[in-house]
Amino acid sequence: MTELLEIVTPVFALIALGYVAAWRKILDDAAFKGMTLFVFGLAAPALLFSGGTRPHEGGGGAAVALLGVSVVFFFALIPLAQRMLKLTMAEAAVFGLSCVFGNSVMMGVPIILSAYGQAGVPPMLAILGLQTVIVLGMATMMIEVGLNATAPWRRLVKATLLGMARNPVVLAVFAALAWNLLGLPVPPVLRRTLDFLGGAAPPMALFCLGGGLAGIAASAVLKETAAIVIAKLFVLPALVFAAGLLLGLAPIDMAVAVTMAALPTGANAFILARRYATGADRSGSAVVVSTALSVLTISALIAHFRGTLP
């Protein structure tokens, strides 16, 4: 129990510090915006590229389990949300995204590294490399279809691909993959620089996440929020666990896949909803509530899976 608290407490303490800093106006919005740009534009890509170019094997099974379940679950949720919650297609797409897209960079990276160490890096990288491209990409297209039913499909595909090509996290993961395929060495000086820069990513990401939560109302659309939180923190991890059993995943792949599946709703879901001005209230509310509850769910999962690892 003490070991688990040593892993989980710093993670949520940094989120709480960021929240307090924003709530008490110790740092303004411009400061948080600058730190967030630094994390996503420089520190996190450096961390992921450095980790991805270290010798490692495997990880593909974890990505197949999580992303396969996420895609099926996402498309199953859209008609359900339209019928049961009376949402438009665009709103249902945001709802589905909030149920399957976790806070993989700002919470997933520091939690996986703290809980499972370097052994968890290969499956984490495999998931990160494809999650944004596949899950965020399909959600963007479904929102575009819902808002612009008559738009040419070529325009939808082009807009989605351009958005993914501008994502520094996606670029860093695929750059590491290409680097490995070419068999190129990483010079020691570059490695140390990347590690030094990337070391800032986990704590700053958590701090910025807390600052972002301070500006989101948690009381909006309670019925939809409750549905998202249940789906994200309980249903999706259970489905991924079942998929992992069917695929016969190794213990570390299973641990990373289910833990990543159980991450709270990602801020990107809220950002996308706000960009399209559709469903931002329920998505933002889900980010706050699921993050708060994940203190318990993530802690329980880490305690379980650390007992299964050699």
Protein backbone atom coordinates (compact mmCIF):
# COMPACT_ATOMS: atom_id res chain seq x y z
CA MET A 1 0.00 0.00 0.00
CA THR A 2 2.84 2.39 0.83
CA GLU A 3 4.47 1.70 -2.53
CA LEU A 4 1.19 2.39 -4.34
CA LEU A 5 0.76 5.70 -2.51
CA GLU A 6 4.30 6.67 -3.48
CA ILE A 7 3.33 6.20 -7.13
CA VAL A 8 -0.14 7.74 -7.18
CA THR A 9 0.15 10.59 -4.65
CA PRO A 10 2.68 12.74 -6.58
CA VAL A 11 0.58 12.44 -9.75
CA PHE A 12 -2.60 13.78 -8.21
CA ALA A 13 -0.73 16.20 -5.95
CA LEU A 14 0.68 17.95 -9.03
CA ILE A 15 -2.80 18.10 -10.58
CA ALA A 16 -4.11 19.64 -7.35
CA LEU A 17 -1.26 22.18 -7.26
CA GLY A 18 -2.05 23.26 -10.81
CA TYR A 19 -5.72 23.60 -9.92
CA VAL A 20 -4.94 25.76 -6.88
CA ALA A 21 -2.49 27.89 -8.87
CA ALA A 22 -5.18 28.67 -11.44
CA TRP A 23 -8.03 29.02 -8.94
CA ARG A 24 -6.08 31.43 -6.72
CA LYS A 25 -4.73 33.32 -9.77
CA ILE A 26 -1.13 32.58 -8.78
CA LEU A 27 -0.58 31.98 -12.50
CA ASP A 28 -2.76 33.51 -15.23
CA ASP A 29 -4.15 31.88 -18.37
CA ALA A 30 -1.23 33.08 -20.47
CA ALA A 31 1.25 31.32 -18.18
CA PHE A 32 -0.67 28.04 -18.37
CA LYS A 33 -1.02 28.40 -22.14
CA GLY A 34 2.74 28.88 -22.50
CA MET A 35 3.53 25.86 -20.30
CA THR A 36 1.02 23.70 -22.15
CA LEU A 37 2.55 24.65 -25.51
CA PHE A 38 5.98 23.79 -24.12
CA VAL A 39 4.78 20.37 -22.90
CA PHE A 40 2.99 19.39 -26.12
CA GLY A 41 5.33 21.09 -28.55
CA LEU A 42 8.74 20.24 -27.06
CA ALA A 43 8.96 18.29 -23.80
CA ALA A 44 6.51 15.45 -24.51
CA PRO A 45 7.79 14.88 -28.09
CA ALA A 46 11.36 14.76 -26.74
CA LEU A 47 10.36 12.23 -24.08
CA LEU A 48 8.51 10.04 -26.56
CA PHE A 49 11.21 10.18 -29.23
CA SER A 50 13.90 9.33 -26.69
CA GLY A 51 11.89 6.43 -25.28
CA GLY A 52 10.91 5.21 -28.73
CA THR A 53 14.51 5.05 -29.98
CA ARG A 54 15.70 2.92 -27.06
CA PRO A 55 15.96 -0.84 -27.67
CA HIS A 56 12.60 -2.47 -26.99
CA GLU A 57 10.32 -5.17 -28.29
CA GLY A 58 6.60 -5.74 -28.47
CA GLY A 59 3.77 -3.43 -27.52
CA GLY A 60 1.64 -4.05 -30.59
CA GLY A 61 -0.81 -6.33 -28.80
CA ALA A 62 -1.66 -3.65 -26.25
CA ALA A 63 -2.41 -1.18 -29.04
CA VAL A 64 -4.59 -3.69 -30.90
CA ALA A 65 -6.61 -4.45 -27.77
CA LEU A 66 -7.17 -0.84 -26.71
CA LEU A 67 -7.65 0.76 -30.12
CA GLY A 68 -9.72 -2.10 -31.52
CA VAL A 69 -12.14 -1.90 -28.59
CA SER A 70 -12.14 1.92 -28.71
CA VAL A 71 -13.14 2.04 -32.37
CA VAL A 72 -15.96 -0.51 -32.00
CA PHE A 73 -17.19 1.10 -28.78
CA PHE A 74 -17.10 4.59 -30.32
CA PHE A 75 -19.27 3.65 -33.28
CA ALA A 76 -21.65 1.67 -31.06
CA LEU A 77 -22.11 4.68 -28.77
CA ILE A 78 -23.10 7.14 -31.50
CA PRO A 79 -26.54 5.63 -32.34
CA LEU A 80 -27.15 4.87 -28.66
CA ALA A 81 -26.49 8.49 -27.71
CA GLN A 82 -28.67 9.73 -30.55
CA ARG A 83 -31.55 7.49 -29.52
CA MET A 84 -31.33 7.53 -25.71
CA LEU A 85 -29.96 11.03 -25.06
CA LYS A 86 -31.56 12.72 -28.09
CA LEU A 87 -28.23 14.07 -29.35
CA THR A 88 -27.40 15.16 -32.89
CA MET A 89 -24.76 13.16 -34.77
CA ALA A 90 -22.08 15.76 -34.04
CA GLU A 91 -22.99 15.83 -30.35
CA ALA A 92 -23.08 12.02 -30.27
CA ALA A 93 -19.60 11.89 -31.84
CA VAL A 94 -18.25 14.20 -29.10
CA PHE A 95 -20.03 12.04 -26.52
CA GLY A 96 -18.44 8.88 -27.96
CA LEU A 97 -15.01 10.49 -28.08
CA SER A 98 -15.30 11.51 -24.43
CA CYS A 99 -16.04 7.86 -23.58
CA VAL A 100 -13.00 6.38 -25.36
CA PHE A 101 -10.27 9.05 -25.56
CA GLY A 102 -8.19 9.20 -22.39
CA ASN A 103 -5.73 11.76 -21.13
CA SER A 104 -2.86 9.73 -22.54
CA VAL A 105 -0.08 12.33 -22.63
CA MET A 106 -0.76 14.51 -19.60
CA MET A 107 -1.67 11.62 -17.29
CA GLY A 108 -0.89 8.41 -19.14
CA VAL A 109 2.82 9.02 -19.69
CA PRO A 110 3.68 9.93 -16.07
CA ILE A 111 1.44 7.21 -14.60
CA ILE A 112 2.79 4.43 -16.85
CA LEU A 113 6.39 5.46 -16.21
CA SER A 114 5.83 5.69 -12.45
CA ALA A 115 3.86 2.47 -12.12
CA TYR A 116 5.55 0.14 -14.62
CA GLY A 117 8.89 1.80 -15.43
CA GLN A 118 10.71 1.34 -18.74
CA ALA A 119 8.99 -2.03 -19.28
CA GLY A 120 5.76 -0.12 -19.91
CA VAL A 121 7.26 2.18 -22.57
CA PRO A 122 6.88 -0.06 -25.68
CA PRO A 123 3.13 -0.72 -25.29
CA MET A 124 2.59 2.91 -24.24
CA LEU A 125 4.35 4.19 -27.36
CA ALA A 126 2.40 1.81 -29.59
CA ILE A 127 -0.85 3.16 -28.14
CA LEU A 128 0.19 6.81 -28.29
CA GLY A 129 1.38 6.50 -31.87
CA LEU A 130 -1.98 5.33 -33.14
CA GLN A 131 -4.55 6.65 -30.66
CA THR A 132 -4.52 10.25 -31.83
CA VAL A 133 -4.42 9.32 -35.50
CA ILE A 134 -7.20 6.73 -35.32
CA VAL A 135 -9.52 7.77 -32.49
CA LEU A 136 -9.24 11.55 -32.74
CA GLY A 137 -9.22 11.29 -36.52
CA MET A 138 -12.44 9.27 -36.77
CA ALA A 139 -14.16 11.53 -34.23
CA THR A 140 -13.18 14.62 -36.21
CA MET A 141 -14.61 13.11 -39.37
CA MET A 142 -17.87 12.10 -37.68
CA ILE A 143 -18.30 15.59 -36.22
CA GLU A 144 -17.63 17.10 -39.65
CA VAL A 145 -20.17 14.75 -41.20
CA GLY A 146 -22.73 15.65 -38.53
CA LEU A 147 -22.23 19.38 -39.01
CA ASN A 148 -21.73 19.35 -42.78
CA ALA A 149 -23.69 16.43 -44.13
CA THR A 150 -23.24 17.62 -47.72
CA ALA A 151 -19.49 18.34 -47.52
CA PRO A 152 -17.26 16.47 -50.01
CA TRP A 153 -15.57 13.46 -48.43
CA ARG A 154 -12.19 14.56 -49.83
CA ARG A 155 -12.38 17.76 -47.80
CA LEU A 156 -13.14 15.82 -44.62
CA VAL A 157 -10.23 13.44 -45.17
CA LYS A 158 -7.83 16.28 -46.02
CA ALA A 159 -8.78 18.31 -42.94
CA THR A 160 -8.34 15.27 -40.69
CA LEU A 161 -4.95 14.29 -42.12
CA LEU A 162 -3.64 17.86 -41.92
CA GLY A 163 -4.70 18.07 -38.29
CA MET A 164 -2.86 14.86 -37.44
CA ALA A 165 0.25 15.98 -39.36
CA ARG A 166 0.46 19.10 -37.18
CA ASN A 167 0.34 17.14 -33.92
CA PRO A 168 3.86 17.12 -32.35
CA VAL A 169 3.14 13.99 -30.27
CA VAL A 170 2.12 11.99 -33.35
CA LEU A 171 5.13 13.28 -35.29
CA ALA A 172 7.52 12.34 -32.46
CA VAL A 173 6.23 8.77 -32.20
CA PHE A 174 6.37 8.17 -35.95
CA ALA A 175 9.80 9.82 -36.16
CA ALA A 176 11.05 7.36 -33.52
CA LEU A 177 9.52 4.48 -35.49
CA ALA A 178 11.23 5.63 -38.70
CA TRP A 179 14.52 6.13 -36.83
CA ASN A 180 14.38 2.54 -35.55
CA LEU A 181 13.45 1.11 -38.95
CA LEU A 182 16.44 2.85 -40.52
CA GLY A 183 18.71 1.52 -37.77
CA LEU A 184 20.13 4.95 -36.98
CA PRO A 185 22.00 5.49 -33.70
CA VAL A 186 21.14 8.37 -31.38
CA PRO A 187 24.31 10.36 -30.53
CA PRO A 188 24.95 10.45 -26.75
CA VAL A 189 24.78 14.26 -26.64
CA LEU A 190 21.39 14.24 -28.41
CA ARG A 191 20.17 11.46 -26.11
CA ARG A 192 21.08 13.41 -22.98
CA THR A 193 19.50 16.57 -24.38
CA LEU A 194 16.27 14.74 -25.18
CA ASP A 195 16.19 13.11 -21.75
CA PHE A 196 16.84 16.44 -20.04
CA LEU A 197 14.09 18.16 -22.01
CA GLY A 198 11.69 15.23 -21.81
CA GLY A 199 12.11 14.99 -18.05
CA ALA A 200 10.11 18.20 -17.73
CA ALA A 201 7.10 16.73 -19.52
CA PRO A 202 5.43 14.51 -16.84
CA PRO A 203 5.36 17.03 -13.94
CA MET A 204 4.52 20.03 -16.13
CA ALA A 205 1.78 18.11 -17.95
CA LEU A 206 0.10 17.20 -14.67
CA PHE A 207 0.42 20.75 -13.35
CA CYS A 208 -1.08 22.20 -16.55
CA LEU A 209 -3.88 19.65 -16.44
CA GLY A 210 -4.83 20.87 -12.98
CA GLY A 211 -4.80 24.47 -14.20
CA GLY A 212 -7.06 23.57 -17.10
CA LEU A 213 -9.56 21.80 -14.84
CA ALA A 214 -10.03 25.00 -12.80
CA GLY A 215 -11.76 26.63 -15.76
CA ILE A 216 -14.26 23.83 -16.47
CA ALA A 217 -17.64 23.54 -14.78
CA ALA A 218 -18.30 20.10 -13.32
CA SER A 219 -22.03 20.56 -12.85
CA ALA A 220 -23.08 20.70 -16.50
CA VAL A 221 -25.45 18.12 -18.00
CA LEU A 222 -25.24 15.62 -15.13
CA LYS A 223 -27.03 12.77 -16.89
CA GLU A 224 -24.69 12.76 -19.88
CA THR A 225 -21.65 13.32 -17.66
CA ALA A 226 -22.51 10.31 -15.51
CA ALA A 227 -22.90 8.15 -18.62
CA ILE A 228 -19.50 9.26 -19.97
CA VAL A 229 -17.72 8.68 -16.65
CA ILE A 230 -19.16 5.18 -16.25
CA ALA A 231 -18.25 4.28 -19.82
CA LYS A 232 -14.74 5.72 -19.60
CA LEU A 233 -13.62 4.56 -16.17
CA PHE A 234 -15.40 1.20 -15.96
CA VAL A 235 -16.87 -0.13 -19.22
CA LEU A 236 -13.96 0.60 -21.56
CA PRO A 237 -11.27 -0.88 -19.25
CA ALA A 238 -13.41 -4.00 -18.73
CA LEU A 239 -13.81 -4.44 -22.49
CA VAL A 240 -10.08 -3.94 -23.08
CA PHE A 241 -9.30 -6.46 -20.34
CA ALA A 242 -11.58 -9.00 -22.03
CA ALA A 243 -9.94 -8.29 -25.40
CA GLY A 244 -6.52 -8.73 -23.79
CA LEU A 245 -7.51 -12.13 -22.46
CA LEU A 246 -8.72 -13.19 -25.91
CA LEU A 247 -5.47 -11.98 -27.49
CA GLY A 248 -3.34 -13.61 -24.80
CA LEU A 249 -1.47 -10.41 -23.96
CA ALA A 250 1.70 -10.55 -21.89
CA PRO A 251 1.25 -9.22 -18.33
CA ILE A 252 2.98 -5.88 -19.02
CA ASP A 253 0.98 -5.33 -22.22
CA MET A 254 -2.25 -6.12 -20.38
CA ALA A 255 -1.33 -3.79 -17.52
CA VAL A 256 -0.53 -0.86 -19.83
CA ALA A 257 -3.52 -1.40 -22.14
CA VAL A 258 -6.07 -1.54 -19.31
CA THR A 259 -4.47 1.31 -17.36
CA MET A 260 -4.43 3.51 -20.46
CA ALA A 261 -8.05 2.55 -21.14
CA ALA A 262 -8.98 3.60 -17.59
CA LEU A 263 -7.48 7.08 -17.86
CA PRO A 264 -10.01 9.88 -17.40
CA THR A 265 -11.49 11.69 -20.40
CA GLY A 266 -8.77 13.57 -22.24
CA ALA A 267 -8.64 17.32 -22.52
CA ASN A 268 -8.40 16.91 -26.31
CA ALA A 269 -12.02 15.74 -26.34
CA PHE A 270 -13.07 18.99 -24.65
CA ILE A 271 -10.83 21.07 -26.94
CA LEU A 272 -12.31 19.43 -30.04
CA ALA A 273 -15.85 19.94 -28.73
CA ARG A 274 -15.14 23.62 -28.05
CA ARG A 275 -13.56 24.05 -31.46
CA TYR A 276 -16.73 22.80 -33.14
CA ALA A 277 -19.01 24.45 -30.55
CA THR A 278 -20.87 21.20 -29.96
CA GLY A 279 -21.14 19.23 -26.72
CA ALA A 280 -18.39 21.18 -24.95
CA ASP A 281 -20.36 21.43 -21.70
CA ARG A 282 -20.78 17.66 -21.23
CA SER A 283 -17.26 16.91 -22.42
CA GLY A 284 -15.69 19.49 -20.10
CA SER A 285 -17.77 18.26 -17.18
CA ALA A 286 -16.67 14.68 -17.90
CA VAL A 287 -13.00 15.72 -17.86
CA VAL A 288 -13.34 17.17 -14.35
CA VAL A 289 -15.47 14.39 -12.81
CA SER A 290 -13.59 11.48 -14.39
CA THR A 291 -10.24 12.95 -13.37
CA ALA A 292 -11.39 13.28 -9.76
CA LEU A 293 -12.77 9.73 -9.63
CA SER A 294 -9.74 8.24 -11.38
CA VAL A 295 -7.77 8.72 -8.17
CA LEU A 296 -9.55 5.62 -6.91
CA THR A 297 -9.89 3.60 -10.12
CA ILE A 298 -6.31 4.11 -11.34
CA SER A 299 -4.95 3.31 -7.88
CA ALA A 300 -6.92 0.05 -7.78
CA LEU A 301 -5.75 -1.00 -11.24
CA ILE A 302 -2.09 -0.25 -10.53
CA ALA A 303 -2.29 -2.22 -7.27
CA HIS A 304 -3.78 -5.18 -9.15
CA PHE A 305 -1.44 -5.19 -12.13
CA ARG A 306 1.76 -4.63 -10.19
CA GLY A 307 0.92 -7.86 -8.40
CA THR A 308 0.76 -9.70 -11.75
CA LEU A 309 4.12 -8.52 -13.07
CA PRO A 310 7.33 -10.51 -12.58
